[in-house]
Amino acid sequence: MDEMSELLLLIFYCALLGSGVGFLPGC
């Protein structure tokens, strides 16, 4: 994957899990 896709994945997981679980710091 290119950097763009990886960044989108990070944002996606951040929105999906970061709000409820919060194991991703800075999200």
N, C-alpha and C. Protein backbone atom coordinates (compact mmCIF):
# COMPACT_ATOMS: atom_id res chain seq x y z
N MET A 1 0.84 -1.21 0.00
CA MET A 1 0.00 0.00 0.00
C MET A 1 0.87 1.26 0.00
N ASP A 2 0.35 2.32 -0.56
CA ASP A 2 1.09 3.56 -0.55
C ASP A 2 0.81 4.32 0.74
N GLU A 3 1.51 5.44 0.92
CA GLU A 3 1.38 6.20 2.17
C GLU A 3 -0.03 6.74 2.34
N MET A 4 -0.67 7.08 1.23
CA MET A 4 -2.01 7.66 1.30
C MET A 4 -2.99 6.64 1.88
N SER A 5 -2.91 5.41 1.41
CA SER A 5 -3.83 4.37 1.87
C SER A 5 -3.59 4.06 3.34
N GLU A 6 -2.32 4.01 3.73
CA GLU A 6 -2.00 3.72 5.13
C GLU A 6 -2.53 4.82 6.04
N LEU A 7 -2.43 6.06 5.57
CA LEU A 7 -2.92 7.19 6.35
C LEU A 7 -4.43 7.11 6.51
N LEU A 8 -5.12 6.76 5.42
CA LEU A 8 -6.58 6.63 5.47
C LEU A 8 -6.99 5.51 6.41
N LEU A 9 -6.22 4.42 6.40
CA LEU A 9 -6.50 3.30 7.30
C LEU A 9 -6.35 3.73 8.75
N LEU A 10 -5.28 4.50 9.03
CA LEU A 10 -5.06 4.98 10.38
C LEU A 10 -6.22 5.85 10.85
N ILE A 11 -6.66 6.74 9.95
CA ILE A 11 -7.77 7.63 10.30
C ILE A 11 -9.05 6.81 10.52
N PHE A 12 -9.24 5.78 9.69
CA PHE A 12 -10.43 4.94 9.80
C PHE A 12 -10.45 4.21 11.14
N TYR A 13 -9.33 3.56 11.46
CA TYR A 13 -9.26 2.84 12.74
C TYR A 13 -9.37 3.80 13.91
N CYS A 14 -8.82 5.00 13.71
CA CYS A 14 -8.86 6.02 14.76
C CYS A 14 -10.31 6.39 15.06
N ALA A 15 -11.09 6.60 14.01
CA ALA A 15 -12.48 7.00 14.19
C ALA A 15 -13.31 5.83 14.72
N LEU A 16 -12.95 4.62 14.28
CA LEU A 16 -13.74 3.45 14.64
C LEU A 16 -13.45 3.00 16.07
N LEU A 17 -12.16 2.93 16.43
CA LEU A 17 -11.78 2.37 17.72
C LEU A 17 -11.32 3.43 18.71
N GLY A 18 -10.71 4.50 18.18
CA GLY A 18 -10.14 5.52 19.06
C GLY A 18 -11.16 6.14 19.99
N SER A 19 -12.39 6.32 19.49
CA SER A 19 -13.41 6.98 20.29
C SER A 19 -13.90 6.06 21.41
N GLY A 20 -14.03 4.77 21.11
CA GLY A 20 -14.58 3.84 22.09
C GLY A 20 -13.51 3.19 22.95
N VAL A 21 -12.43 2.74 22.30
CA VAL A 21 -11.39 2.03 23.03
C VAL A 21 -10.30 2.98 23.49
N GLY A 22 -9.84 3.83 22.59
CA GLY A 22 -8.87 4.84 22.96
C GLY A 22 -7.46 4.29 23.14
N PHE A 23 -7.13 3.19 22.45
CA PHE A 23 -5.79 2.63 22.58
C PHE A 23 -4.82 3.29 21.61
N LEU A 24 -5.36 4.16 20.74
CA LEU A 24 -4.51 4.92 19.82
C LEU A 24 -4.35 6.34 20.34
N PRO A 25 -3.20 6.67 20.89
CA PRO A 25 -2.98 8.00 21.46
C PRO A 25 -3.01 9.08 20.39
N GLY A 26 -3.54 10.23 20.72
CA GLY A 26 -3.57 11.35 19.80
C GLY A 26 -4.74 11.32 18.84
N CYS A 27 -5.63 10.34 19.03
CA CYS A 27 -6.78 10.25 18.13
C CYS A 27 -7.96 11.01 18.73
